[in-house]
Amino acid sequence: MIKITFYKRDGVYYRFHETGHSGLAEAGDDVLCSAISAMTMLIINTVEVSWASDIEYNIDDETADITVTAPEALPENCSDERKQYAISGLFQSYFLQLMDLTEEYYEYLSVDEVEEM
């Protein structure tokens, strides 16, 4: 099962952690893993390249652990409110898309969110 946890502070999404394999199909034929991988890379590339913002990510191909953090989504790390909202909104959109996927793939995908202090 793929487990994804989103982290937010004061309602602002700024980090997520993914772990596991879906087990839906063999590696290379697993549409769920492929979709999640593609969406994760879209998030990273959009923040880093299109919005020229700092993004921290660690991808461990062997364990399938992925952590993505966008410090500039938080007000204390960025003075540009538009950039903050754009980044946090992108992370929130990813969360909502994954929640939709859990309706069909509930045996293979778990998505949670944590409000940090």
N, C-alpha and C. Protein backbone atom coordinates (compact mmCIF):
# COMPACT_ATOMS: atom_id res chain seq x y z
N MET A 1 0.84 -1.18 0.00
CA MET A 1 0.00 0.00 0.00
C MET A 1 0.88 1.24 0.00
N ILE A 2 0.48 2.24 -0.77
CA ILE A 2 1.15 3.53 -0.75
C ILE A 2 0.49 4.36 0.34
N LYS A 3 1.32 4.93 1.20
CA LYS A 3 0.82 5.81 2.26
C LYS A 3 1.42 7.19 2.04
N ILE A 4 0.53 8.18 1.99
CA ILE A 4 0.98 9.55 1.78
C ILE A 4 0.41 10.42 2.89
N THR A 5 1.30 11.16 3.54
CA THR A 5 0.89 12.07 4.61
C THR A 5 1.26 13.48 4.20
N PHE A 6 0.29 14.38 4.28
CA PHE A 6 0.51 15.79 4.00
C PHE A 6 0.61 16.53 5.32
N TYR A 7 1.51 17.50 5.36
CA TYR A 7 1.72 18.30 6.56
C TYR A 7 1.37 19.74 6.26
N LYS A 8 0.68 20.35 7.21
CA LYS A 8 0.33 21.75 7.06
C LYS A 8 0.49 22.45 8.40
N ARG A 9 0.69 23.75 8.32
CA ARG A 9 0.81 24.58 9.51
C ARG A 9 -0.11 25.78 9.30
N ASP A 10 -0.98 26.00 10.28
CA ASP A 10 -1.98 27.08 10.17
C ASP A 10 -2.78 26.96 8.87
N GLY A 11 -3.07 25.73 8.48
CA GLY A 11 -3.86 25.48 7.27
C GLY A 11 -3.07 25.54 5.98
N VAL A 12 -1.77 25.78 6.05
CA VAL A 12 -0.92 25.92 4.87
C VAL A 12 -0.19 24.61 4.60
N TYR A 13 -0.48 24.00 3.45
CA TYR A 13 0.21 22.78 3.05
C TYR A 13 1.62 23.14 2.60
N TYR A 14 2.61 22.40 3.12
CA TYR A 14 3.99 22.72 2.75
C TYR A 14 4.89 21.49 2.59
N ARG A 15 4.41 20.31 3.00
CA ARG A 15 5.26 19.11 2.92
C ARG A 15 4.39 17.87 2.76
N PHE A 16 4.93 16.85 2.09
CA PHE A 16 4.29 15.54 2.08
C PHE A 16 5.34 14.46 2.07
N HIS A 17 4.93 13.30 2.56
CA HIS A 17 5.82 12.12 2.63
C HIS A 17 5.06 10.94 2.04
N GLU A 18 5.70 10.26 1.10
CA GLU A 18 5.11 9.08 0.45
C GLU A 18 5.98 7.88 0.77
N THR A 19 5.35 6.76 1.00
CA THR A 19 6.09 5.54 1.26
C THR A 19 5.31 4.32 0.77
N GLY A 20 6.03 3.30 0.36
CA GLY A 20 5.41 2.04 -0.02
C GLY A 20 5.13 1.89 -1.50
N HIS A 21 4.71 0.69 -1.84
CA HIS A 21 4.31 0.33 -3.20
C HIS A 21 2.83 -0.05 -3.15
N SER A 22 2.12 0.22 -4.20
CA SER A 22 0.67 -0.05 -4.17
C SER A 22 0.37 -1.55 -4.16
N GLY A 23 1.12 -2.32 -4.92
CA GLY A 23 0.82 -3.74 -5.02
C GLY A 23 -0.33 -4.03 -5.97
N LEU A 24 -0.76 -3.03 -6.70
CA LEU A 24 -1.86 -3.20 -7.66
C LEU A 24 -1.44 -4.10 -8.82
N ALA A 25 -0.18 -3.95 -9.25
CA ALA A 25 0.34 -4.75 -10.37
C ALA A 25 1.85 -4.84 -10.23
N GLU A 26 2.48 -5.59 -11.12
CA GLU A 26 3.94 -5.71 -11.12
C GLU A 26 4.58 -4.37 -11.46
N ALA A 27 5.80 -4.18 -10.98
CA ALA A 27 6.55 -2.97 -11.30
C ALA A 27 6.59 -2.78 -12.82
N GLY A 28 6.36 -1.58 -13.26
CA GLY A 28 6.33 -1.27 -14.68
C GLY A 28 4.94 -1.35 -15.28
N ASP A 29 4.03 -2.07 -14.62
CA ASP A 29 2.66 -2.18 -15.10
C ASP A 29 1.65 -1.58 -14.13
N ASP A 30 2.12 -0.99 -13.05
CA ASP A 30 1.26 -0.48 -11.99
C ASP A 30 0.84 0.96 -12.32
N VAL A 31 -0.39 1.11 -12.77
CA VAL A 31 -0.87 2.44 -13.18
C VAL A 31 -0.98 3.40 -12.00
N LEU A 32 -1.28 2.90 -10.82
CA LEU A 32 -1.40 3.77 -9.65
C LEU A 32 -0.03 4.33 -9.27
N CYS A 33 0.97 3.48 -9.19
CA CYS A 33 2.33 3.95 -8.88
C CYS A 33 2.82 4.94 -9.94
N SER A 34 2.54 4.63 -11.19
CA SER A 34 2.95 5.52 -12.28
C SER A 34 2.29 6.88 -12.16
N ALA A 35 1.00 6.90 -11.86
CA ALA A 35 0.27 8.17 -11.73
C ALA A 35 0.81 8.99 -10.58
N ILE A 36 1.05 8.35 -9.45
CA ILE A 36 1.55 9.07 -8.27
C ILE A 36 2.96 9.59 -8.52
N SER A 37 3.79 8.78 -9.15
CA SER A 37 5.15 9.23 -9.48
C SER A 37 5.12 10.45 -10.40
N ALA A 38 4.27 10.39 -11.41
CA ALA A 38 4.17 11.51 -12.35
C ALA A 38 3.66 12.77 -11.66
N MET A 39 2.66 12.63 -10.80
CA MET A 39 2.13 13.81 -10.10
C MET A 39 3.16 14.38 -9.13
N THR A 40 3.91 13.52 -8.47
CA THR A 40 4.94 13.99 -7.55
C THR A 40 6.00 14.79 -8.29
N MET A 41 6.46 14.29 -9.42
CA MET A 41 7.46 15.01 -10.20
C MET A 41 6.89 16.31 -10.77
N LEU A 42 5.62 16.32 -11.10
CA LEU A 42 4.98 17.56 -11.57
C LEU A 42 5.04 18.62 -10.46
N ILE A 43 4.76 18.23 -9.23
CA ILE A 43 4.81 19.15 -8.10
C ILE A 43 6.23 19.70 -7.96
N ILE A 44 7.22 18.81 -7.93
CA ILE A 44 8.61 19.23 -7.75
C ILE A 44 9.03 20.18 -8.87
N ASN A 45 8.78 19.80 -10.11
CA ASN A 45 9.21 20.63 -11.24
C ASN A 45 8.48 21.96 -11.30
N THR A 46 7.21 21.98 -10.98
CA THR A 46 6.46 23.23 -11.01
C THR A 46 7.01 24.21 -9.99
N VAL A 47 7.22 23.76 -8.77
CA VAL A 47 7.72 24.65 -7.73
C VAL A 47 9.15 25.10 -8.05
N GLU A 48 10.00 24.16 -8.42
CA GLU A 48 11.42 24.46 -8.62
C GLU A 48 11.70 25.24 -9.90
N VAL A 49 11.10 24.81 -10.98
CA VAL A 49 11.43 25.41 -12.28
C VAL A 49 10.47 26.54 -12.66
N SER A 50 9.19 26.25 -12.68
CA SER A 50 8.23 27.25 -13.15
C SER A 50 8.09 28.43 -12.20
N TRP A 51 8.16 28.15 -10.89
CA TRP A 51 7.98 29.23 -9.91
C TRP A 51 9.30 29.67 -9.29
N ALA A 52 10.42 29.09 -9.73
CA ALA A 52 11.75 29.46 -9.24
C ALA A 52 11.79 29.55 -7.72
N SER A 53 11.29 28.52 -7.08
CA SER A 53 11.23 28.47 -5.61
C SER A 53 12.05 27.30 -5.10
N ASP A 54 12.49 27.46 -3.87
CA ASP A 54 13.23 26.37 -3.24
C ASP A 54 12.29 25.22 -2.93
N ILE A 55 12.75 24.03 -3.21
CA ILE A 55 12.01 22.83 -2.84
C ILE A 55 13.03 21.78 -2.42
N GLU A 56 12.75 21.13 -1.34
CA GLU A 56 13.64 20.10 -0.83
C GLU A 56 12.95 18.76 -1.05
N TYR A 57 13.68 17.83 -1.63
CA TYR A 57 13.09 16.51 -1.84
C TYR A 57 14.14 15.43 -1.73
N ASN A 58 13.70 14.31 -1.24
CA ASN A 58 14.54 13.14 -1.13
C ASN A 58 13.75 11.96 -1.67
N ILE A 59 14.32 11.29 -2.65
CA ILE A 59 13.67 10.14 -3.28
C ILE A 59 14.57 8.92 -3.12
N ASP A 60 14.08 7.94 -2.40
CA ASP A 60 14.82 6.69 -2.22
C ASP A 60 14.13 5.63 -3.08
N ASP A 61 14.73 5.30 -4.21
CA ASP A 61 14.13 4.37 -5.16
C ASP A 61 13.97 2.96 -4.59
N GLU A 62 14.87 2.56 -3.70
CA GLU A 62 14.79 1.20 -3.15
C GLU A 62 13.63 1.03 -2.17
N THR A 63 13.45 2.01 -1.29
CA THR A 63 12.40 1.89 -0.27
C THR A 63 11.10 2.55 -0.69
N ALA A 64 11.12 3.31 -1.77
CA ALA A 64 9.97 4.07 -2.24
C ALA A 64 9.56 5.14 -1.23
N ASP A 65 10.50 5.63 -0.45
CA ASP A 65 10.25 6.75 0.46
C ASP A 65 10.56 8.05 -0.28
N ILE A 66 9.60 8.96 -0.25
CA ILE A 66 9.77 10.26 -0.89
C ILE A 66 9.28 11.32 0.08
N THR A 67 10.12 12.32 0.32
CA THR A 67 9.71 13.46 1.13
C THR A 67 9.93 14.71 0.30
N VAL A 68 8.89 15.56 0.24
CA VAL A 68 8.95 16.80 -0.52
C VAL A 68 8.52 17.93 0.42
N THR A 69 9.38 18.95 0.53
CA THR A 69 9.10 20.10 1.39
C THR A 69 9.31 21.37 0.60
N ALA A 70 8.35 22.27 0.68
CA ALA A 70 8.44 23.57 0.03
C ALA A 70 8.43 24.66 1.11
N PRO A 71 9.60 25.06 1.60
CA PRO A 71 9.65 26.04 2.68
C PRO A 71 8.95 27.36 2.35
N GLU A 72 8.98 27.76 1.07
CA GLU A 72 8.40 29.05 0.69
C GLU A 72 6.87 29.06 0.69
N ALA A 73 6.26 27.94 1.00
CA ALA A 73 4.80 27.94 1.19
C ALA A 73 4.44 28.59 2.52
N LEU A 74 5.40 28.64 3.43
CA LEU A 74 5.16 29.19 4.77
C LEU A 74 5.55 30.66 4.82
N PRO A 75 4.74 31.48 5.47
CA PRO A 75 4.99 32.93 5.51
C PRO A 75 6.36 33.32 6.06
N GLU A 76 6.88 32.57 7.02
CA GLU A 76 8.17 32.94 7.61
C GLU A 76 9.34 32.71 6.66
N ASN A 77 9.10 32.03 5.54
CA ASN A 77 10.18 31.74 4.60
C ASN A 77 10.06 32.47 3.27
N CYS A 78 9.00 33.25 3.11
CA CYS A 78 8.78 33.93 1.83
C CYS A 78 7.91 35.17 2.05
N SER A 79 8.35 36.29 1.51
CA SER A 79 7.58 37.52 1.66
C SER A 79 6.54 37.70 0.55
N ASP A 80 6.60 36.91 -0.48
CA ASP A 80 5.68 37.00 -1.61
C ASP A 80 4.44 36.14 -1.33
N GLU A 81 3.35 36.78 -0.94
CA GLU A 81 2.13 36.04 -0.60
C GLU A 81 1.59 35.24 -1.78
N ARG A 82 1.70 35.79 -2.98
CA ARG A 82 1.20 35.07 -4.15
C ARG A 82 1.95 33.75 -4.34
N LYS A 83 3.26 33.77 -4.13
CA LYS A 83 4.05 32.55 -4.26
C LYS A 83 3.67 31.56 -3.16
N GLN A 84 3.49 32.05 -1.94
CA GLN A 84 3.08 31.19 -0.83
C GLN A 84 1.77 30.47 -1.16
N TYR A 85 0.77 31.23 -1.59
CA TYR A 85 -0.54 30.66 -1.90
C TYR A 85 -0.46 29.69 -3.08
N ALA A 86 0.35 30.03 -4.07
CA ALA A 86 0.49 29.16 -5.25
C ALA A 86 1.07 27.81 -4.85
N ILE A 87 2.13 27.84 -4.06
CA ILE A 87 2.79 26.59 -3.67
C ILE A 87 1.89 25.77 -2.77
N SER A 88 1.33 26.40 -1.75
CA SER A 88 0.45 25.68 -0.83
C SER A 88 -0.78 25.15 -1.57
N GLY A 89 -1.31 25.96 -2.48
CA GLY A 89 -2.46 25.53 -3.27
C GLY A 89 -2.15 24.34 -4.15
N LEU A 90 -0.95 24.30 -4.71
CA LEU A 90 -0.53 23.16 -5.52
C LEU A 90 -0.47 21.90 -4.66
N PHE A 91 0.12 22.00 -3.47
CA PHE A 91 0.17 20.86 -2.57
C PHE A 91 -1.23 20.42 -2.16
N GLN A 92 -2.10 21.39 -1.88
CA GLN A 92 -3.47 21.06 -1.50
C GLN A 92 -4.21 20.39 -2.66
N SER A 93 -3.98 20.86 -3.87
CA SER A 93 -4.61 20.24 -5.04
C SER A 93 -4.16 18.79 -5.20
N TYR A 94 -2.89 18.54 -4.93
CA TYR A 94 -2.38 17.17 -4.99
C TYR A 94 -3.07 16.32 -3.93
N PHE A 95 -3.20 16.85 -2.73
CA PHE A 95 -3.91 16.15 -1.66
C PHE A 95 -5.34 15.80 -2.10
N LEU A 96 -6.06 16.76 -2.66
CA LEU A 96 -7.45 16.53 -3.08
C LEU A 96 -7.53 15.50 -4.21
N GLN A 97 -6.59 15.56 -5.15
CA GLN A 97 -6.57 14.58 -6.24
C GLN A 97 -6.35 13.17 -5.70
N LEU A 98 -5.42 13.06 -4.76
CA LEU A 98 -5.16 11.75 -4.16
C LEU A 98 -6.36 11.25 -3.36
N MET A 99 -7.06 12.14 -2.69
CA MET A 99 -8.26 11.74 -1.95
C MET A 99 -9.30 11.17 -2.92
N ASP A 100 -9.41 11.77 -4.09
CA ASP A 100 -10.31 11.22 -5.11
C ASP A 100 -9.88 9.82 -5.53
N LEU A 101 -8.58 9.62 -5.68
CA LEU A 101 -8.08 8.30 -6.08
C LEU A 101 -8.34 7.24 -5.01
N THR A 102 -8.37 7.64 -3.74
CA THR A 102 -8.62 6.66 -2.67
C THR A 102 -10.01 6.05 -2.77
N GLU A 103 -10.94 6.74 -3.40
CA GLU A 103 -12.29 6.19 -3.55
C GLU A 103 -12.27 4.90 -4.38
N GLU A 104 -11.43 4.87 -5.40
CA GLU A 104 -11.35 3.68 -6.26
C GLU A 104 -10.26 2.71 -5.81
N TYR A 105 -9.19 3.25 -5.26
CA TYR A 105 -8.02 2.43 -4.92
C TYR A 105 -7.78 2.36 -3.41
N TYR A 106 -8.84 2.31 -2.63
CA TYR A 106 -8.73 2.34 -1.17
C TYR A 106 -7.91 1.18 -0.61
N GLU A 107 -7.81 0.09 -1.32
CA GLU A 107 -7.01 -1.05 -0.85
C GLU A 107 -5.51 -0.85 -1.12
N TYR A 108 -5.19 0.14 -1.94
CA TYR A 108 -3.82 0.32 -2.40
C TYR A 108 -3.22 1.68 -2.03
N LEU A 109 -4.07 2.62 -1.56
CA LEU A 109 -3.63 3.98 -1.32
C LEU A 109 -4.29 4.53 -0.05
N SER A 110 -3.45 5.11 0.80
CA SER A 110 -3.93 5.75 2.02
C SER A 110 -3.37 7.18 2.05
N VAL A 111 -4.26 8.15 2.29
CA VAL A 111 -3.84 9.55 2.32
C VAL A 111 -4.34 10.19 3.61
N ASP A 112 -3.43 10.86 4.29
CA ASP A 112 -3.75 11.53 5.55
C ASP A 112 -3.17 12.95 5.53
N GLU A 113 -3.61 13.75 6.48
CA GLU A 113 -3.02 15.07 6.66
C GLU A 113 -2.81 15.32 8.15
N VAL A 114 -1.76 16.06 8.45
CA VAL A 114 -1.39 16.36 9.82
C VAL A 114 -1.25 17.87 9.95
N GLU A 115 -1.91 18.42 10.93
CA GLU A 115 -1.77 19.86 11.23
C GLU A 115 -0.68 19.97 12.29
N GLU A 116 0.41 20.62 11.94
CA GLU A 116 1.51 20.79 12.87
C GLU A 116 1.40 22.12 13.60
N MET A 117 2.00 22.16 14.75
CA MET A 117 2.01 23.41 15.53
C MET A 117 3.21 24.25 15.17
